[in-house]
C-alpha atoms as a PDB file:
ATOM      1  CA  MET A   1     -13.883 109.726   2.484  1.00  0.00           C
ATOM      2  CA  THR A   2     -10.934 108.483   4.166  1.00  0.00           C
ATOM      3  CA  VAL A   3      -9.505 110.256   7.340  1.00  0.00           C
ATOM      4  CA  SER A   4      -7.027 108.663   9.802  1.00  0.00           C
ATOM      5  CA  TYR A   5      -8.160 108.390  13.372  1.00  0.00           C
ATOM      6  CA  SER A   6      -4.820 110.284  14.310  1.00  0.00           C
ATOM      7  CA  GLU A   7      -6.099 113.411  12.546  1.00  0.00           C
ATOM      8  CA  ALA A   8      -9.603 112.784  13.758  1.00  0.00           C
ATOM      9  CA  LEU A   9      -8.387 112.869  17.138  1.00  0.00           C
ATOM     10  CA  SER A  10      -6.169 115.873  16.844  1.00  0.00           C
ATOM     11  CA  ALA A  11      -9.264 117.765  15.305  1.00  0.00           C
ATOM     12  CA  TYR A  12     -11.482 116.704  18.459  1.00  0.00           C
ATOM     13  CA  LYS A  13      -8.783 117.920  20.576  1.00  0.00           C
ATOM     14  CA  ARG A  14      -8.595 121.178  19.148  1.00  0.00           C
ATOM     15  CA  VAL A  15     -12.420 121.660  19.550  1.00  0.00           C
ATOM     16  CA  ALA A  16     -12.059 120.581  22.785  1.00  0.00           C
ATOM     17  CA  GLU A  17      -9.309 123.173  23.777  1.00  0.00           C
ATOM     18  CA  GLN A  18     -11.535 125.824  21.991  1.00  0.00           C
ATOM     19  CA  ALA A  19     -14.524 125.071  23.871  1.00  0.00           C
ATOM     20  CA  ARG A  20     -12.155 125.501  26.832  1.00  0.00           C
ATOM     21  CA  ILE A  21     -10.953 128.658  25.871  1.00  0.00           C
ATOM     22  CA  GLN A  22     -13.607 131.123  27.151  1.00  0.00           C
ATOM     23  CA  PRO A  23     -15.671 129.761  29.665  1.00  0.00           C
ATOM     24  CA  PRO A  24     -18.771 131.723  30.157  1.00  0.00           C
ATOM     25  CA  SER A  25     -18.660 135.259  32.239  1.00  0.00           C
ATOM     26  CA  PRO A  26     -20.669 135.415  35.279  1.00  0.00           C
ATOM     27  CA  ASN A  27     -22.461 138.624  33.878  1.00  0.00           C
ATOM     28  CA  GLU A  28     -24.204 136.352  30.817  1.00  0.00           C
ATOM     29  CA  SER A  29     -27.604 135.096  31.559  1.00  0.00           C
ATOM     30  CA  GLN A  30     -27.906 131.464  32.249  1.00  0.00           C
ATOM     31  CA  GLY A  31     -30.626 130.948  29.919  1.00  0.00           C
ATOM     32  CA  VAL A  32     -30.570 128.485  27.035  1.00  0.00           C
ATOM     33  CA  GLY A  33     -27.272 129.445  25.234  1.00  0.00           C
ATOM     34  CA  ALA A  34     -25.438 128.899  28.138  1.00  0.00           C
ATOM     35  CA  ASP A  35     -26.850 125.141  28.586  1.00  0.00           C
ATOM     36  CA  PHE A  36     -26.349 124.513  24.694  1.00  0.00           C
ATOM     37  CA  ALA A  37     -22.981 125.684  24.877  1.00  0.00           C
ATOM     38  CA  GLN A  38     -22.244 123.429  27.762  1.00  0.00           C
ATOM     39  CA  VAL A  39     -24.198 120.615  25.775  1.00  0.00           C
ATOM     40  CA  LEU A  40     -21.993 120.956  22.841  1.00  0.00           C
ATOM     41  CA  ARG A  41     -18.625 121.003  25.061  1.00  0.00           C
ATOM     42  CA  ASP A  42     -19.714 117.778  26.622  1.00  0.00           C
ATOM     43  CA  ALA A  43     -20.495 116.483  23.448  1.00  0.00           C
ATOM     44  CA  ALA A  44     -16.948 117.095  22.017  1.00  0.00           C
ATOM     45  CA  SER A  45     -15.518 115.878  25.473  1.00  0.00           C
ATOM     46  CA  ASP A  46     -17.372 112.534  24.945  1.00  0.00           C
ATOM     47  CA  ALA A  47     -16.623 112.368  20.970  1.00  0.00           C
ATOM     48  CA  VAL A  48     -12.652 112.889  22.303  1.00  0.00           C
ATOM     49  CA  GLY A  49     -12.887 110.083  25.007  1.00  0.00           C
ATOM     50  CA  THR A  50     -14.443 107.541  22.330  1.00  0.00           C
ATOM     51  CA  LEU A  51     -11.470 107.978  20.013  1.00  0.00           C
ATOM     52  CA  LYS A  52      -9.099 108.180  22.634  1.00  0.00           C
ATOM     53  CA  THR A  53     -10.450 104.794  23.505  1.00  0.00           C
ATOM     54  CA  GLY A  54     -10.353 103.507  20.368  1.00  0.00           C
ATOM     55  CA  GLU A  55      -6.788 104.365  19.940  1.00  0.00           C
ATOM     56  CA  GLN A  56      -5.649 102.918  23.418  1.00  0.00           C
ATOM     57  CA  GLN A  57      -7.014  99.714  22.461  1.00  0.00           C
ATOM     58  CA  SER A  58      -5.516  99.627  19.083  1.00  0.00           C
ATOM     59  CA  LEU A  59      -2.320 100.254  20.299  1.00  0.00           C
ATOM     60  CA  ALA A  60      -2.763  97.423  23.127  1.00  0.00           C
ATOM     61  CA  ALA A  61      -3.703  95.069  20.259  1.00  0.00           C
ATOM     62  CA  VAL A  62      -0.696  95.692  18.433  1.00  0.00           C
ATOM     63  CA  ALA A  63       1.347  94.931  21.825  1.00  0.00           C
ATOM     64  CA  GLY A  64      -0.411  92.014  22.106  1.00  0.00           C
ATOM     65  CA  LYS A  65      -2.285  93.112  25.353  1.00  0.00           C
ATOM     66  CA  ALA A  66      -5.770  93.411  24.407  1.00  0.00           C
ATOM     67  CA  ASP A  67      -8.855  91.021  23.717  1.00  0.00           C
ATOM     68  CA  ILE A  68      -9.935  91.475  20.314  1.00  0.00           C
ATOM     69  CA  ASN A  69     -13.557  91.800  20.850  1.00  0.00           C
ATOM     70  CA  GLU A  70     -12.840  94.763  23.087  1.00  0.00           C
ATOM     71  CA  VAL A  71     -10.722  96.171  19.882  1.00  0.00           C
ATOM     72  CA  VAL A  72     -13.200  95.588  17.600  1.00  0.00           C
ATOM     73  CA  MET A  73     -15.952  97.371  20.045  1.00  0.00           C
ATOM     74  CA  ALA A  74     -13.512 100.062  20.581  1.00  0.00           C
ATOM     75  CA  MET A  75     -12.802 101.077  16.725  1.00  0.00           C
ATOM     76  CA  SER A  76     -16.843 100.586  15.850  1.00  0.00           C
ATOM     77  CA  LYS A  77     -17.627 102.994  18.822  1.00  0.00           C
ATOM     78  CA  ALA A  78     -15.099 105.267  17.562  1.00  0.00           C
ATOM     79  CA  GLU A  79     -16.233 105.066  14.152  1.00  0.00           C
ATOM     80  CA  MET A  80     -19.580 105.425  14.658  1.00  0.00           C
ATOM     81  CA  THR A  81     -18.768 108.667  16.685  1.00  0.00           C
ATOM     82  CA  LEU A  82     -16.866 110.106  14.031  1.00  0.00           C
ATOM     83  CA  GLN A  83     -19.420 109.483  11.596  1.00  0.00           C
ATOM     84  CA  THR A  84     -22.037 111.154  13.749  1.00  0.00           C
ATOM     85  CA  VAL A  85     -19.515 114.389  14.252  1.00  0.00           C
ATOM     86  CA  VAL A  86     -19.060 114.534  10.586  1.00  0.00           C
ATOM     87  CA  THR A  87     -22.712 114.536  10.086  1.00  0.00           C
ATOM     88  CA  LEU A  88     -23.736 117.067  12.476  1.00  0.00           C
ATOM     89  CA  ARG A  89     -20.751 119.526  11.130  1.00  0.00           C
ATOM     90  CA  ASP A  90     -22.455 118.973   7.682  1.00  0.00           C
ATOM     91  CA  LYS A  91     -25.823 119.741   9.025  1.00  0.00           C
ATOM     92  CA  ALA A  92     -24.591 122.982  10.802  1.00  0.00           C
ATOM     93  CA  VAL A  93     -22.681 124.301   7.725  1.00  0.00           C
ATOM     94  CA  GLN A  94     -25.978 123.237   5.616  1.00  0.00           C
ATOM     95  CA  ALA A  95     -28.303 125.502   7.986  1.00  0.00           C
ATOM     96  CA  TYR A  96     -25.755 128.324   7.905  1.00  0.00           C
ATOM     97  CA  GLN A  97     -25.472 128.060   4.184  1.00  0.00           C
ATOM     98  CA  GLU A  98     -29.511 128.435   4.485  1.00  0.00           C
ATOM     99  CA  VAL A  99     -29.482 131.379   6.609  1.00  0.00           C
ATOM    100  CA  LEU A 100     -26.861 133.081   4.323  1.00  0.00           C
ATOM    101  CA  ARG A 101     -29.481 132.643   1.535  1.00  0.00           C
ATOM    102  CA  MET A 102     -32.481 134.265   3.462  1.00  0.00           C
ATOM    103  CA  PRO A 103     -33.486 137.637   2.396  1.00  0.00           C
ATOM    104  CA  ILE A 104     -32.526 140.559   4.511  1.00  0.00           C
END
């Protein structure tokens, strides 16, 4: 599967924006659900940051202002982050489909 970095970055940006749209209300219980949502927001934010760093390093390399080792490291981290997020998405979809198959 081939995904350009700009497409991935825009997808992560949309996810980060959606995570910020509805902050938890003070009336909600501060139990496990709120903590899990915060973990997801933080993970999405970290993923977006990693991809932005990779993009910035690659743009700096094109301009001739970056060390090639830093560019390779940043791009490797961005690629690993993208693969991790895609794997988690696939697992979440698979789990959702399993729940839908359960008899009521």
